[in-house]
PDB file of N, CA and C in Angstrom:
ATOM      1  N   SER A   1     -17.332  27.070  22.682  1.00  0.00           N
ATOM      2  CA  SER A   1     -16.722  26.568  23.875  1.00  0.00           C
ATOM      3  C   SER A   1     -15.391  27.258  24.192  1.00  0.00           C
ATOM      4  N   THR A   2     -15.042  27.254  25.504  1.00  0.00           N
ATOM      5  CA  THR A   2     -13.692  27.803  25.715  1.00  0.00           C
ATOM      6  C   THR A   2     -12.909  26.770  26.449  1.00  0.00           C
ATOM      7  N   SER A   3     -11.664  26.665  26.330  1.00  0.00           N
ATOM      8  CA  SER A   3     -10.922  25.562  26.637  1.00  0.00           C
ATOM      9  C   SER A   3      -9.527  25.967  27.327  1.00  0.00           C
ATOM     10  N   GLY A   4      -9.296  27.093  27.565  1.00  0.00           N
ATOM     11  CA  GLY A   4      -8.006  27.329  27.780  1.00  0.00           C
ATOM     12  C   GLY A   4      -7.220  27.815  26.383  1.00  0.00           C
ATOM     13  N   LEU A   5      -7.888  27.482  25.421  1.00  0.00           N
ATOM     14  CA  LEU A   5      -7.453  27.621  24.086  1.00  0.00           C
ATOM     15  C   LEU A   5      -8.315  28.738  23.322  1.00  0.00           C
ATOM     16  N   GLY A   6      -9.333  29.135  24.101  1.00  0.00           N
ATOM     17  CA  GLY A   6     -10.254  30.138  23.486  1.00  0.00           C
ATOM     18  C   GLY A   6     -11.325  29.238  22.624  1.00  0.00           C
ATOM     19  N   ASP A   7     -11.840  29.952  21.730  1.00  0.00           N
ATOM     20  CA  ASP A   7     -13.039  29.496  20.851  1.00  0.00           C
ATOM     21  C   ASP A   7     -12.436  28.495  19.847  1.00  0.00           C
ATOM     22  N   LEU A   8     -12.795  27.106  19.973  1.00  0.00           N
ATOM     23  CA  LEU A   8     -12.399  26.162  18.999  1.00  0.00           C
ATOM     24  C   LEU A   8     -13.509  25.811  18.077  1.00  0.00           C
ATOM     25  N   SER A   9     -14.557  26.476  18.094  1.00  0.00           N
ATOM     26  CA  SER A   9     -15.763  26.124  17.244  1.00  0.00           C
ATOM     27  C   SER A   9     -15.461  26.063  15.812  1.00  0.00           C
ATOM     28  N   ALA A  10     -14.538  26.726  15.162  1.00  0.00           N
ATOM     29  CA  ALA A  10     -14.277  26.610  13.738  1.00  0.00           C
ATOM     30  C   ALA A  10     -13.645  25.432  13.460  1.00  0.00           C
ATOM     31  N   PHE A  11     -12.732  24.895  14.298  1.00  0.00           N
ATOM     32  CA  PHE A  11     -12.117  23.551  14.302  1.00  0.00           C
ATOM     33  C   PHE A  11     -13.053  22.551  14.301  1.00  0.00           C
ATOM     34  N   ASN A  12     -13.885  22.636  15.378  1.00  0.00           N
ATOM     35  CA  ASN A  12     -15.002  21.597  15.675  1.00  0.00           C
ATOM     36  C   ASN A  12     -16.008  21.625  14.486  1.00  0.00           C
ATOM     37  N   SER A  13     -16.225  22.641  13.822  1.00  0.00           N
ATOM     38  CA  SER A  13     -17.086  22.714  12.635  1.00  0.00           C
ATOM     39  C   SER A  13     -16.531  21.971  11.448  1.00  0.00           C
ATOM     40  N   ILE A  14     -15.200  21.982  11.217  1.00  0.00           N
ATOM     41  CA  ILE A  14     -14.513  21.270  10.153  1.00  0.00           C
ATOM     42  C   ILE A  14     -14.525  19.855  10.460  1.00  0.00           C
ATOM     43  N   VAL A  15     -14.154  19.554  11.568  1.00  0.00           N
ATOM     44  CA  VAL A  15     -14.222  18.106  12.166  1.00  0.00           C
ATOM     45  C   VAL A  15     -15.678  17.399  11.869  1.00  0.00           C
ATOM     46  N   THR A  16     -16.621  18.213  12.215  1.00  0.00           N
ATOM     47  CA  THR A  16     -18.046  17.704  12.044  1.00  0.00           C
ATOM     48  C   THR A  16     -18.415  17.488  10.580  1.00  0.00           C
ATOM     49  N   ASP A  17     -17.860  18.399   9.600  1.00  0.00           N
ATOM     50  CA  ASP A  17     -18.018  18.267   8.277  1.00  0.00           C
ATOM     51  C   ASP A  17     -17.222  17.133   7.674  1.00  0.00           C
ATOM     52  N   VAL A  18     -16.048  16.851   8.181  1.00  0.00           N
ATOM     53  CA  VAL A  18     -15.230  15.596   7.796  1.00  0.00           C
ATOM     54  C   VAL A  18     -16.005  14.402   8.235  1.00  0.00           C
ATOM     55  N   GLN A  19     -16.526  14.404   9.371  1.00  0.00           N
ATOM     56  CA  GLN A  19     -17.351  13.109   9.851  1.00  0.00           C
ATOM     57  C   GLN A  19     -18.514  12.850   9.037  1.00  0.00           C
ATOM     58  N   THR A  20     -19.130  13.982   8.704  1.00  0.00           N
ATOM     59  CA  THR A  20     -20.448  13.843   7.883  1.00  0.00           C
ATOM     60  C   THR A  20     -19.906  13.215   6.384  1.00  0.00           C
ATOM     61  N   ILE A  21     -18.926  13.768   5.910  1.00  0.00           N
ATOM     62  CA  ILE A  21     -18.464  13.274   4.632  1.00  0.00           C
ATOM     63  C   ILE A  21     -17.993  11.835   4.696  1.00  0.00           C
ATOM     64  N   ALA A  22     -17.283  11.495   5.686  1.00  0.00           N
ATOM     65  CA  ALA A  22     -16.739  10.098   5.890  1.00  0.00           C
ATOM     66  C   ALA A  22     -17.921   9.067   6.132  1.00  0.00           C
ATOM     67  N   ASP A  23     -18.879   9.541   6.804  1.00  0.00           N
ATOM     68  CA  ASP A  23     -20.142   8.726   7.051  1.00  0.00           C
ATOM     69  C   ASP A  23     -20.801   8.384   5.665  1.00  0.00           C
ATOM     70  N   THR A  24     -20.742   9.103   4.755  1.00  0.00           N
ATOM     71  CA  THR A  24     -21.265   8.815   3.511  1.00  0.00           C
ATOM     72  C   THR A  24     -20.428   7.834   2.637  1.00  0.00           C
ATOM     73  N   GLY A  25     -19.191   7.404   3.200  1.00  0.00           N
ATOM     74  CA  GLY A  25     -18.357   6.653   2.504  1.00  0.00           C
ATOM     75  C   GLY A  25     -17.418   7.364   1.593  1.00  0.00           C
ATOM     76  N   ASP A  26     -17.457   8.710   1.561  1.00  0.00           N
ATOM     77  CA  ASP A  26     -16.604   9.410   0.672  1.00  0.00           C
ATOM     78  C   ASP A  26     -15.272   9.707   1.384  1.00  0.00           C
ATOM     79  N   LEU A  27     -14.346   8.776   1.531  1.00  0.00           N
ATOM     80  CA  LEU A  27     -13.125   8.907   2.281  1.00  0.00           C
ATOM     81  C   LEU A  27     -12.221   9.929   1.495  1.00  0.00           C
ATOM     82  N   PRO A  28     -12.249   9.811   0.127  1.00  0.00           N
ATOM     83  CA  PRO A  28     -11.411  10.870  -0.587  1.00  0.00           C
ATOM     84  C   PRO A  28     -11.788  12.250  -0.208  1.00  0.00           C
ATOM     85  N   GLY A  29     -13.168  12.463  -0.245  1.00  0.00           N
ATOM     86  CA  GLY A  29     -13.717  13.713   0.086  1.00  0.00           C
ATOM     87  C   GLY A  29     -13.490  14.242   1.535  1.00  0.00           C
ATOM     88  N   ALA A  30     -13.433  13.285   2.458  1.00  0.00           N
ATOM     89  CA  ALA A  30     -13.093  13.512   3.900  1.00  0.00           C
ATOM     90  C   ALA A  30     -11.643  13.942   4.009  1.00  0.00           C
ATOM     91  N   LYS A  31     -10.779  13.233   3.158  1.00  0.00           N
ATOM     92  CA  LYS A  31      -9.319  13.399   3.207  1.00  0.00           C
ATOM     93  C   LYS A  31      -9.104  14.942   2.852  1.00  0.00           C
ATOM     94  N   THR A  32      -9.818  15.469   1.658  1.00  0.00           N
ATOM     95  CA  THR A  32      -9.626  16.704   1.228  1.00  0.00           C
ATOM     96  C   THR A  32     -10.175  17.745   2.287  1.00  0.00           C
ATOM     97  N   ARG A  33     -11.310  17.443   2.916  1.00  0.00           N
ATOM     98  CA  ARG A  33     -11.777  18.413   3.841  1.00  0.00           C
ATOM     99  C   ARG A  33     -10.981  18.504   5.154  1.00  0.00           C
ATOM    100  N   ILE A  34     -10.343  17.485   5.601  1.00  0.00           N
ATOM    101  CA  ILE A  34      -9.517  17.468   6.802  1.00  0.00           C
ATOM    102  C   ILE A  34      -8.257  18.297   6.548  1.00  0.00           C
ATOM    103  N   LYS A  35      -7.852  18.454   5.351  1.00  0.00           N
ATOM    104  CA  LYS A  35      -6.737  19.365   4.869  1.00  0.00           C
ATOM    105  C   LYS A  35      -6.981  20.829   5.375  1.00  0.00           C
ATOM    106  N   ASP A  36      -8.291  21.177   5.203  1.00  0.00           N
ATOM    107  CA  ASP A  36      -8.658  22.491   5.787  1.00  0.00           C
ATOM    108  C   ASP A  36      -8.523  22.729   7.275  1.00  0.00           C
ATOM    109  N   PHE A  37      -8.729  21.638   8.013  1.00  0.00           N
ATOM    110  CA  PHE A  37      -8.480  21.624   9.399  1.00  0.00           C
ATOM    111  C   PHE A  37      -6.958  21.629   9.657  1.00  0.00           C
ATOM    112  N   GLU A  38      -6.177  20.854   9.012  1.00  0.00           N
ATOM    113  CA  GLU A  38      -4.885  21.024   9.118  1.00  0.00           C
ATOM    114  C   GLU A  38      -4.039  22.349   8.871  1.00  0.00           C
ATOM    115  N   ILE A  39      -4.560  22.989   7.873  1.00  0.00           N
ATOM    116  CA  ILE A  39      -4.079  24.237   7.540  1.00  0.00           C
ATOM    117  C   ILE A  39      -4.413  25.329   8.665  1.00  0.00           C
ATOM    118  N   ALA A  40      -5.704  25.268   9.116  1.00  0.00           N
ATOM    119  CA  ALA A  40      -6.107  26.280  10.095  1.00  0.00           C
ATOM    120  C   ALA A  40      -5.505  25.956  11.378  1.00  0.00           C
ATOM    121  N   TRP A  41      -5.346  24.714  11.772  1.00  0.00           N
ATOM    122  CA  TRP A  41      -4.724  24.380  13.077  1.00  0.00           C
ATOM    123  C   TRP A  41      -3.233  24.769  13.031  1.00  0.00           C
ATOM    124  N   ASP A  42      -2.495  24.486  12.010  1.00  0.00           N
ATOM    125  CA  ASP A  42      -1.188  24.804  11.788  1.00  0.00           C
ATOM    126  C   ASP A  42      -0.937  26.399  11.856  1.00  0.00           C
ATOM    127  N   GLN A  43      -1.788  27.206  11.179  1.00  0.00           N
ATOM    128  CA  GLN A  43      -1.720  28.557  11.226  1.00  0.00           C
ATOM    129  C   GLN A  43      -1.984  29.130  12.624  1.00  0.00           C
ATOM    130  N   ALA A  44      -2.939  28.472  13.321  1.00  0.00           N
ATOM    131  CA  ALA A  44      -3.263  28.853  14.756  1.00  0.00           C
ATOM    132  C   ALA A  44      -2.258  28.483  15.821  1.00  0.00           C
ATOM    133  N   GLU A  45      -1.430  27.567  15.456  1.00  0.00           N
ATOM    134  CA  GLU A  45      -0.477  27.058  16.522  1.00  0.00           C
ATOM    135  C   GLU A  45       0.277  28.073  17.333  1.00  0.00           C
ATOM    136  N   ALA A  46       0.846  29.111  16.619  1.00  0.00           N
ATOM    137  CA  ALA A  46       1.636  30.075  17.375  1.00  0.00           C
ATOM    138  C   ALA A  46       0.824  30.831  18.386  1.00  0.00           C
ATOM    139  N   GLY A  47      -0.465  31.018  18.029  1.00  0.00           N
ATOM    140  CA  GLY A  47      -1.295  31.697  19.140  1.00  0.00           C
ATOM    141  C   GLY A  47      -1.998  30.798  20.185  1.00  0.00           C
ATOM    142  N   LEU A  48      -2.355  29.653  19.784  1.00  0.00           N
ATOM    143  CA  LEU A  48      -2.954  28.620  20.705  1.00  0.00           C
ATOM    144  C   LEU A  48      -1.957  27.850  21.529  1.00  0.00           C
ATOM    145  N   ARG A  49      -0.843  27.343  21.036  1.00  0.00           N
ATOM    146  CA  ARG A  49       0.050  26.532  21.856  1.00  0.00           C
ATOM    147  C   ARG A  49       0.470  27.154  23.184  1.00  0.00           C
ATOM    148  N   PRO A  50       0.953  28.353  23.154  1.00  0.00           N
ATOM    149  CA  PRO A  50       1.382  29.060  24.384  1.00  0.00           C
ATOM    150  C   PRO A  50       0.304  29.071  25.496  1.00  0.00           C
ATOM    151  N   MET A  51      -0.971  29.303  25.040  1.00  0.00           N
ATOM    152  CA  MET A  51      -2.017  29.538  25.996  1.00  0.00           C
ATOM    153  C   MET A  51      -2.251  28.192  26.828  1.00  0.00           C
ATOM    154  N   ASN A  52      -2.013  27.010  26.211  1.00  0.00           N
ATOM    155  CA  ASN A  52      -2.303  25.835  27.042  1.00  0.00           C
ATOM    156  C   ASN A  52      -1.545  24.720  26.345  1.00  0.00           C
ATOM    157  N   PRO A  53      -0.207  24.617  26.406  1.00  0.00           N
ATOM    158  CA  PRO A  53       0.572  23.641  25.753  1.00  0.00           C
ATOM    159  C   PRO A  53       0.190  22.207  25.771  1.00  0.00           C
ATOM    160  N   ALA A  54      -0.284  21.734  27.020  1.00  0.00           N
ATOM    161  CA  ALA A  54      -0.638  20.276  27.190  1.00  0.00           C
ATOM    162  C   ALA A  54      -2.005  20.110  26.393  1.00  0.00           C
ATOM    163  N   ARG A  55      -2.911  21.021  26.476  1.00  0.00           N
ATOM    164  CA  ARG A  55      -4.220  20.829  25.817  1.00  0.00           C
ATOM    165  C   ARG A  55      -3.984  20.775  24.177  1.00  0.00           C
ATOM    166  N   TRP A  56      -3.176  21.775  23.955  1.00  0.00           N
ATOM    167  CA  TRP A  56      -2.875  21.859  22.361  1.00  0.00           C
ATOM    168  C   TRP A  56      -2.304  20.611  21.886  1.00  0.00           C
ATOM    169  N   GLY A  57      -1.449  20.078  22.698  1.00  0.00           N
ATOM    170  CA  GLY A  57      -0.646  18.894  22.245  1.00  0.00           C
ATOM    171  C   GLY A  57      -1.613  17.688  22.231  1.00  0.00           C
ATOM    172  N   THR A  58      -2.645  17.735  23.055  1.00  0.00           N
ATOM    173  CA  THR A  58      -3.706  16.524  23.069  1.00  0.00           C
ATOM    174  C   THR A  58      -4.484  16.578  21.702  1.00  0.00           C
ATOM    175  N   ILE A  59      -4.952  17.832  21.497  1.00  0.00           N
ATOM    176  CA  ILE A  59      -5.705  17.968  20.176  1.00  0.00           C
ATOM    177  C   ILE A  59      -4.816  17.698  19.008  1.00  0.00           C
ATOM    178  N   ASP A  60      -3.567  18.156  18.987  1.00  0.00           N
ATOM    179  CA  ASP A  60      -2.676  17.882  17.874  1.00  0.00           C
ATOM    180  C   ASP A  60      -2.381  16.438  17.773  1.00  0.00           C
ATOM    181  N   GLU A  61      -2.238  15.678  18.733  1.00  0.00           N
ATOM    182  CA  GLU A  61      -2.071  14.282  18.690  1.00  0.00           C
ATOM    183  C   GLU A  61      -3.237  13.612  18.000  1.00  0.00           C
ATOM    184  N   ALA A  62      -4.487  14.004  18.461  1.00  0.00           N
ATOM    185  CA  ALA A  62      -5.640  13.349  17.789  1.00  0.00           C
ATOM    186  C   ALA A  62      -5.817  13.867  16.385  1.00  0.00           C
ATOM    187  N   ALA A  63      -5.409  14.990  16.100  1.00  0.00           N
ATOM    188  CA  ALA A  63      -5.419  15.544  14.685  1.00  0.00           C
ATOM    189  C   ALA A  63      -4.476  14.793  13.880  1.00  0.00           C
ATOM    190  N   ASP A  64      -3.331  14.422  14.252  1.00  0.00           N
ATOM    191  CA  ASP A  64      -2.392  13.644  13.589  1.00  0.00           C
ATOM    192  C   ASP A  64      -2.885  12.225  13.373  1.00  0.00           C
ATOM    193  N   ALA A  65      -3.663  11.594  14.372  1.00  0.00           N
ATOM    194  CA  ALA A  65      -4.137  10.299  14.124  1.00  0.00           C
ATOM    195  C   ALA A  65      -5.231  10.294  13.094  1.00  0.00           C
ATOM    196  N   ALA A  66      -6.044  11.285  13.070  1.00  0.00           N
ATOM    197  CA  ALA A  66      -7.051  11.366  12.123  1.00  0.00           C
ATOM    198  C   ALA A  66      -6.538  11.545  10.692  1.00  0.00           C
ATOM    199  N   LEU A  67      -5.606  12.444  10.621  1.00  0.00           N
ATOM    200  CA  LEU A  67      -4.863  12.713   9.269  1.00  0.00           C
ATOM    201  C   LEU A  67      -4.252  11.404   8.721  1.00  0.00           C
ATOM    202  N   SER A  68      -3.684  10.631   9.674  1.00  0.00           N
ATOM    203  CA  SER A  68      -2.928   9.381   9.281  1.00  0.00           C
ATOM    204  C   SER A  68      -4.058   8.471   8.862  1.00  0.00           C
ATOM    205  N   ALA A  69      -5.112   8.266   9.494  1.00  0.00           N
ATOM    206  CA  ALA A  69      -6.287   7.385   9.256  1.00  0.00           C
ATOM    207  C   ALA A  69      -6.756   7.633   7.751  1.00  0.00           C
ATOM    208  N   LEU A  70      -7.060   8.982   7.524  1.00  0.00           N
ATOM    209  CA  LEU A  70      -7.523   9.331   6.119  1.00  0.00           C
ATOM    210  C   LEU A  70      -6.556   9.279   5.046  1.00  0.00           C
ATOM    211  N   ARG A  71      -5.222   9.340   5.525  1.00  0.00           N
ATOM    212  CA  ARG A  71      -4.157   9.333   4.403  1.00  0.00           C
ATOM    213  C   ARG A  71      -3.546   7.956   4.077  1.00  0.00           C
ATOM    214  N   ALA A  72      -4.071   7.086   4.803  1.00  0.00           N
ATOM    215  CA  ALA A  72      -3.528   5.681   4.725  1.00  0.00           C
ATOM    216  C   ALA A  72      -3.767   5.187   3.255  1.00  0.00           C
ATOM    217  N   LYS A  73      -2.937   4.316   2.816  1.00  0.00           N
ATOM    218  CA  LYS A  73      -3.059   3.908   1.275  1.00  0.00           C
ATOM    219  C   LYS A  73      -4.464   3.355   1.124  1.00  0.00           C
ATOM    220  N   THR A  74      -4.996   2.554   1.972  1.00  0.00           N
ATOM    221  CA  THR A  74      -6.474   2.119   1.864  1.00  0.00           C
ATOM    222  C   THR A  74      -7.021   2.552   3.208  1.00  0.00           C
ATOM    223  N   PRO A  75      -7.739   3.604   3.318  1.00  0.00           N
ATOM    224  CA  PRO A  75      -8.345   4.164   4.557  1.00  0.00           C
ATOM    225  C   PRO A  75      -9.219   3.067   5.100  1.00  0.00           C
ATOM    226  N   ASP A  76      -9.188   2.621   6.336  1.00  0.00           N
ATOM    227  CA  ASP A  76     -10.086   1.917   7.011  1.00  0.00           C
ATOM    228  C   ASP A  76     -11.355   2.780   7.610  1.00  0.00           C
ATOM    229  N   PRO A  77     -12.530   2.460   7.074  1.00  0.00           N
ATOM    230  CA  PRO A  77     -13.501   3.426   7.549  1.00  0.00           C
ATOM    231  C   PRO A  77     -13.773   3.354   9.057  1.00  0.00           C
ATOM    232  N   ALA A  78     -13.539   2.336   9.845  1.00  0.00           N
ATOM    233  CA  ALA A  78     -13.751   2.139  11.204  1.00  0.00           C
ATOM    234  C   ALA A  78     -12.688   2.924  11.869  1.00  0.00           C
ATOM    235  N   ALA A  79     -11.463   2.908  11.416  1.00  0.00           N
ATOM    236  CA  ALA A  79     -10.274   3.794  11.951  1.00  0.00           C
ATOM    237  C   ALA A  79     -10.517   5.185  11.732  1.00  0.00           C
ATOM    238  N   VAL A  80     -11.000   5.447  10.585  1.00  0.00           N
ATOM    239  CA  VAL A  80     -11.346   6.873  10.284  1.00  0.00           C
ATOM    240  C   VAL A  80     -12.303   7.476  11.303  1.00  0.00           C
ATOM    241  N   ASN A  81     -13.464   6.745  11.355  1.00  0.00           N
ATOM    242  CA  ASN A  81     -14.532   7.175  12.308  1.00  0.00           C
ATOM    243  C   ASN A  81     -14.113   7.315  13.707  1.00  0.00           C
ATOM    244  N   GLU A  82     -13.269   6.284  14.240  1.00  0.00           N
ATOM    245  CA  GLU A  82     -12.725   6.207  15.620  1.00  0.00           C
ATOM    246  C   GLU A  82     -11.766   7.464  15.799  1.00  0.00           C
ATOM    247  N   THR A  83     -10.839   7.739  14.801  1.00  0.00           N
ATOM    248  CA  THR A  83      -9.975   8.830  14.956  1.00  0.00           C
ATOM    249  C   THR A  83     -10.583  10.262  14.986  1.00  0.00           C
ATOM    250  N   LEU A  84     -11.622  10.230  14.077  1.00  0.00           N
ATOM    251  CA  LEU A  84     -12.353  11.476  13.963  1.00  0.00           C
ATOM    252  C   LEU A  84     -13.265  11.771  15.221  1.00  0.00           C
ATOM    253  N   ALA A  85     -13.706  10.875  15.805  1.00  0.00           N
ATOM    254  CA  ALA A  85     -14.587  10.785  17.046  1.00  0.00           C
ATOM    255  C   ALA A  85     -13.541  11.414  18.288  1.00  0.00           C
ATOM    256  N   ALA A  86     -12.270  10.675  18.165  1.00  0.00           N
ATOM    257  CA  ALA A  86     -11.378  11.159  19.113  1.00  0.00           C
ATOM    258  C   ALA A  86     -10.922  12.629  19.052  1.00  0.00           C
ATOM    259  N   LEU A  87     -10.771  13.047  17.886  1.00  0.00           N
ATOM    260  CA  LEU A  87     -10.465  14.414  17.591  1.00  0.00           C
ATOM    261  C   LEU A  87     -11.507  15.330  18.057  1.00  0.00           C
ATOM    262  N   GLN A  88     -12.689  14.974  17.723  1.00  0.00           N
ATOM    263  CA  GLN A  88     -13.852  15.734  18.084  1.00  0.00           C
ATOM    264  C   GLN A  88     -13.885  15.880  19.647  1.00  0.00           C
ATOM    265  N   ALA A  89     -13.710  14.628  20.234  1.00  0.00           N
ATOM    266  CA  ALA A  89     -13.670  14.603  21.821  1.00  0.00           C
ATOM    267  C   ALA A  89     -12.632  15.486  22.313  1.00  0.00           C
ATOM    268  N   ALA A  90     -11.402  15.406  21.766  1.00  0.00           N
ATOM    269  CA  ALA A  90     -10.354  16.212  22.183  1.00  0.00           C
ATOM    270  C   ALA A  90     -10.666  17.846  22.106  1.00  0.00           C
ATOM    271  N   LEU A  91     -11.244  18.185  21.059  1.00  0.00           N
ATOM    272  CA  LEU A  91     -11.564  19.485  20.840  1.00  0.00           C
ATOM    273  C   LEU A  91     -12.715  19.969  21.906  1.00  0.00           C
ATOM    274  N   THR A  92     -13.637  19.295  22.178  1.00  0.00           N
ATOM    275  CA  THR A  92     -14.691  19.616  23.059  1.00  0.00           C
ATOM    276  C   THR A  92     -14.499  19.323  24.523  1.00  0.00           C
ATOM    277  N   ASP A  93     -13.720  18.284  24.849  1.00  0.00           N
ATOM    278  CA  ASP A  93     -13.443  17.998  26.171  1.00  0.00           C
ATOM    279  C   ASP A  93     -12.300  18.917  26.836  1.00  0.00           C
ATOM    280  N   GLU A  94     -12.606  19.872  27.817  1.00  0.00           N
ATOM    281  CA  GLU A  94     -11.809  20.803  28.223  1.00  0.00           C
ATOM    282  C   GLU A  94     -10.745  20.190  29.089  1.00  0.00           C
ATOM    283  N   LYS A  95     -11.071  19.027  29.695  1.00  0.00           N
ATOM    284  CA  LYS A  95     -10.135  18.275  30.538  1.00  0.00           C
ATOM    285  C   LYS A  95      -9.243  17.365  29.759  1.00  0.00           C
ATOM    286  N   ALA A  96      -9.307  17.213  28.577  1.00  0.00           N
ATOM    287  CA  ALA A  96      -8.569  16.232  27.871  1.00  0.00           C
ATOM    288  C   ALA A  96      -7.145  16.653  27.768  1.00  0.00           C
ATOM    289  N   VAL A  97      -6.284  15.931  28.261  1.00  0.00           N
ATOM    290  CA  VAL A  97      -4.820  16.190  28.133  1.00  0.00           C
ATOM    291  C   VAL A  97      -4.103  14.917  27.818  1.00  0.00           C
ATOM    292  N   ALA A  98      -3.174  14.866  26.944  1.00  0.00           N
ATOM    293  CA  ALA A  98      -2.445  13.711  26.467  1.00  0.00           C
ATOM    294  C   ALA A  98      -1.685  13.211  27.631  1.00  0.00           C
ATOM    295  N   LYS A  99      -1.549  11.903  27.773  1.00  0.00           N
ATOM    296  CA  LYS A  99      -0.929  11.248  28.936  1.00  0.00           C
ATOM    297  C   LYS A  99       0.525  11.175  28.655  1.00  0.00           C
TER     298      LYS A  99
END
């Protein structure tokens, strides 16, 4: 899919993996896998952010929420699922922009 940020399918794929891992109850595994998203997203920032700063910010906020949920001292599976779903939605909804 294109979003003014180009092809985000690689990020989408990582988030899908994290959701699949989290759905099995392996939150430490999901926390490990989301680090791959964080690294890739941070490395892509210089290229992506100028293309559509508002949309980049929306996805970045959703990513921060998901990272926080997974890195909580005692992660709440419901919060993890909610924040991962929001991140997935931010990645796939071309009209999503942070308020």
